[in-house]
């Protein structure tokens, strides 16, 4: 009668982890493969853009989008990099959040 070095549970767990690892590697490969294709719907926003600071949040109501705006910024970049808006100081009000609401 043969003597088994491993219990049935150990053999089962080995097979389980092997199958898991195999599926994980396949999934990883497919993910990398798909991420290497560039979407044809991607649009670059780089360049000069006309804009106006909307401090009172009235731009949509007054349909600013129908007018030629007064100022210009270059993207990629920030308002500070373009010399627009208020100076950033320790008293600058935080307008962001600490979590990503897109999830």
C-alpha atoms as a PDB file:
ATOM      1  CA  UNK A   1       0.000   0.000   0.000  1.00  0.00           C
ATOM      2  CA  UNK A   2       1.493   3.404  -0.986  1.00  0.00           C
ATOM      3  CA  UNK A   3       2.278   5.935   1.686  1.00  0.00           C
ATOM      4  CA  UNK A   4       1.023   9.452   0.888  1.00  0.00           C
ATOM      5  CA  UNK A   5       3.160  12.347   2.039  1.00  0.00           C
ATOM      6  CA  UNK A   6       0.294  14.833   1.668  1.00  0.00           C
ATOM      7  CA  UNK A   7      -3.238  14.791   2.949  1.00  0.00           C
ATOM      8  CA  UNK A   8      -6.220  15.074   0.623  1.00  0.00           C
ATOM      9  CA  UNK A   9      -6.761  18.615   1.888  1.00  0.00           C
ATOM     10  CA  UNK A  10      -3.175  19.603   1.004  1.00  0.00           C
ATOM     11  CA  UNK A  11      -3.515  18.106  -2.471  1.00  0.00           C
ATOM     12  CA  UNK A  12      -6.844  19.871  -3.002  1.00  0.00           C
ATOM     13  CA  UNK A  13      -5.382  23.214  -1.857  1.00  0.00           C
ATOM     14  CA  UNK A  14      -2.369  22.767  -4.152  1.00  0.00           C
ATOM     15  CA  UNK A  15      -4.657  22.180  -7.130  1.00  0.00           C
ATOM     16  CA  UNK A  16      -6.853  25.104  -6.090  1.00  0.00           C
ATOM     17  CA  UNK A  17      -3.882  27.500  -5.899  1.00  0.00           C
ATOM     18  CA  UNK A  18      -2.507  26.173  -9.178  1.00  0.00           C
ATOM     19  CA  UNK A  19      -5.821  26.862 -10.943  1.00  0.00           C
ATOM     20  CA  UNK A  20      -6.063  30.276  -9.279  1.00  0.00           C
ATOM     21  CA  UNK A  21      -2.514  31.178 -10.332  1.00  0.00           C
ATOM     22  CA  UNK A  22      -3.182  29.947 -13.869  1.00  0.00           C
ATOM     23  CA  UNK A  23      -6.341  32.063 -14.179  1.00  0.00           C
ATOM     24  CA  UNK A  24      -4.603  35.049 -12.603  1.00  0.00           C
ATOM     25  CA  UNK A  25      -1.755  34.884 -15.126  1.00  0.00           C
ATOM     26  CA  UNK A  26      -4.221  34.625 -18.028  1.00  0.00           C
ATOM     27  CA  UNK A  27      -6.245  37.573 -16.704  1.00  0.00           C
ATOM     28  CA  UNK A  28      -3.082  39.629 -16.205  1.00  0.00           C
ATOM     29  CA  UNK A  29      -1.926  38.845 -19.754  1.00  0.00           C
ATOM     30  CA  UNK A  30      -5.293  39.831 -21.253  1.00  0.00           C
ATOM     31  CA  UNK A  31      -5.366  43.061 -19.207  1.00  0.00           C
ATOM     32  CA  UNK A  32      -1.880  44.045 -20.369  1.00  0.00           C
ATOM     33  CA  UNK A  33      -2.721  43.155 -23.952  1.00  0.00           C
ATOM     34  CA  UNK A  34      -5.931  45.196 -23.965  1.00  0.00           C
ATOM     35  CA  UNK A  35      -4.320  48.194 -22.264  1.00  0.00           C
ATOM     36  CA  UNK A  36      -1.670  48.347 -24.985  1.00  0.00           C
ATOM     37  CA  UNK A  37      -4.277  49.310 -27.588  1.00  0.00           C
ATOM     38  CA  UNK A  38      -4.840  53.057 -27.811  1.00  0.00           C
ATOM     39  CA  UNK A  39      -8.473  54.075 -27.939  1.00  0.00           C
ATOM     40  CA  UNK A  40      -9.505  55.723 -31.193  1.00  0.00           C
ATOM     41  CA  UNK A  41     -11.882  57.910 -29.162  1.00  0.00           C
ATOM     42  CA  UNK A  42      -9.065  59.633 -27.266  1.00  0.00           C
ATOM     43  CA  UNK A  43      -8.917  63.373 -27.932  1.00  0.00           C
ATOM     44  CA  UNK A  44      -5.983  65.551 -26.924  1.00  0.00           C
ATOM     45  CA  UNK A  45      -6.910  68.764 -25.125  1.00  0.00           C
ATOM     46  CA  UNK A  46      -3.395  70.192 -25.433  1.00  0.00           C
ATOM     47  CA  UNK A  47      -3.169  73.690 -26.868  1.00  0.00           C
ATOM     48  CA  UNK A  48      -4.520  77.189 -26.358  1.00  0.00           C
ATOM     49  CA  UNK A  49      -7.995  77.566 -24.870  1.00  0.00           C
ATOM     50  CA  UNK A  50     -10.134  80.676 -24.437  1.00  0.00           C
ATOM     51  CA  UNK A  51     -11.661  81.001 -20.982  1.00  0.00           C
ATOM     52  CA  UNK A  52     -13.070  83.325 -18.339  1.00  0.00           C
ATOM     53  CA  UNK A  53     -13.063  82.864 -14.567  1.00  0.00           C
ATOM     54  CA  UNK A  54     -16.640  82.320 -13.368  1.00  0.00           C
ATOM     55  CA  UNK A  55     -16.381  83.498  -9.740  1.00  0.00           C
ATOM     56  CA  UNK A  56     -20.147  83.949  -9.366  1.00  0.00           C
ATOM     57  CA  UNK A  57     -21.124  80.695 -11.146  1.00  0.00           C
ATOM     58  CA  UNK A  58     -23.232  82.511 -13.750  1.00  0.00           C
ATOM     59  CA  UNK A  59     -21.484  81.429 -16.956  1.00  0.00           C
ATOM     60  CA  UNK A  60     -23.999  78.760 -17.945  1.00  0.00           C
ATOM     61  CA  UNK A  61     -26.998  80.910 -17.015  1.00  0.00           C
ATOM     62  CA  UNK A  62     -25.645  83.819 -19.089  1.00  0.00           C
ATOM     63  CA  UNK A  63     -24.586  81.429 -21.888  1.00  0.00           C
ATOM     64  CA  UNK A  64     -20.918  82.422 -21.958  1.00  0.00           C
ATOM     65  CA  UNK A  65     -20.359  79.422 -24.256  1.00  0.00           C
ATOM     66  CA  UNK A  66     -21.953  81.456 -27.084  1.00  0.00           C
ATOM     67  CA  UNK A  67     -19.367  84.256 -26.756  1.00  0.00           C
ATOM     68  CA  UNK A  68     -15.675  84.658 -27.449  1.00  0.00           C
ATOM     69  CA  UNK A  69     -14.057  84.606 -24.027  1.00  0.00           C
ATOM     70  CA  UNK A  70     -11.546  87.232 -22.894  1.00  0.00           C
ATOM     71  CA  UNK A  71      -8.588  85.232 -21.597  1.00  0.00           C
ATOM     72  CA  UNK A  72      -6.435  82.356 -22.751  1.00  0.00           C
ATOM     73  CA  UNK A  73      -4.696  79.383 -21.093  1.00  0.00           C
ATOM     74  CA  UNK A  74      -2.398  76.712 -22.454  1.00  0.00           C
ATOM     75  CA  UNK A  75      -3.085  73.053 -21.671  1.00  0.00           C
ATOM     76  CA  UNK A  76      -1.751  70.900 -20.203  1.00  0.00           C
ATOM     77  CA  UNK A  77      -1.250  73.231 -17.286  1.00  0.00           C
ATOM     78  CA  UNK A  78      -2.931  74.853 -14.331  1.00  0.00           C
ATOM     79  CA  UNK A  79      -4.337  78.303 -13.785  1.00  0.00           C
ATOM     80  CA  UNK A  80      -1.308  79.120 -11.606  1.00  0.00           C
ATOM     81  CA  UNK A  81       1.076  78.004 -14.364  1.00  0.00           C
ATOM     82  CA  UNK A  82      -0.800  80.265 -16.789  1.00  0.00           C
ATOM     83  CA  UNK A  83      -0.706  83.249 -14.400  1.00  0.00           C
ATOM     84  CA  UNK A  84      -4.493  83.229 -13.956  1.00  0.00           C
ATOM     85  CA  UNK A  85      -6.672  83.361 -10.869  1.00  0.00           C
ATOM     86  CA  UNK A  86      -5.742  84.264  -7.333  1.00  0.00           C
ATOM     87  CA  UNK A  87      -2.301  83.764  -5.820  1.00  0.00           C
ATOM     88  CA  UNK A  88      -2.030  80.511  -3.898  1.00  0.00           C
ATOM     89  CA  UNK A  89      -1.322  81.127  -0.203  1.00  0.00           C
ATOM     90  CA  UNK A  90      -1.832  79.363   3.111  1.00  0.00           C
ATOM     91  CA  UNK A  91      -5.260  81.018   3.255  1.00  0.00           C
ATOM     92  CA  UNK A  92      -6.360  79.718  -0.165  1.00  0.00           C
ATOM     93  CA  UNK A  93      -9.681  77.904   0.245  1.00  0.00           C
ATOM     94  CA  UNK A  94      -9.583  74.182  -0.508  1.00  0.00           C
ATOM     95  CA  UNK A  95     -12.046  73.317  -3.277  1.00  0.00           C
ATOM     96  CA  UNK A  96     -11.200  69.668  -3.824  1.00  0.00           C
ATOM     97  CA  UNK A  97     -11.842  66.545  -1.843  1.00  0.00           C
ATOM     98  CA  UNK A  98      -9.736  63.760  -0.424  1.00  0.00           C
ATOM     99  CA  UNK A  99     -11.590  60.992  -2.250  1.00  0.00           C
ATOM    100  CA  UNK A 100     -12.231  60.182  -5.874  1.00  0.00           C
ATOM    101  CA  UNK A 101     -15.967  60.562  -6.489  1.00  0.00           C
ATOM    102  CA  UNK A 102     -15.747  58.819  -9.874  1.00  0.00           C
ATOM    103  CA  UNK A 103     -16.057  55.415  -8.151  1.00  0.00           C
END
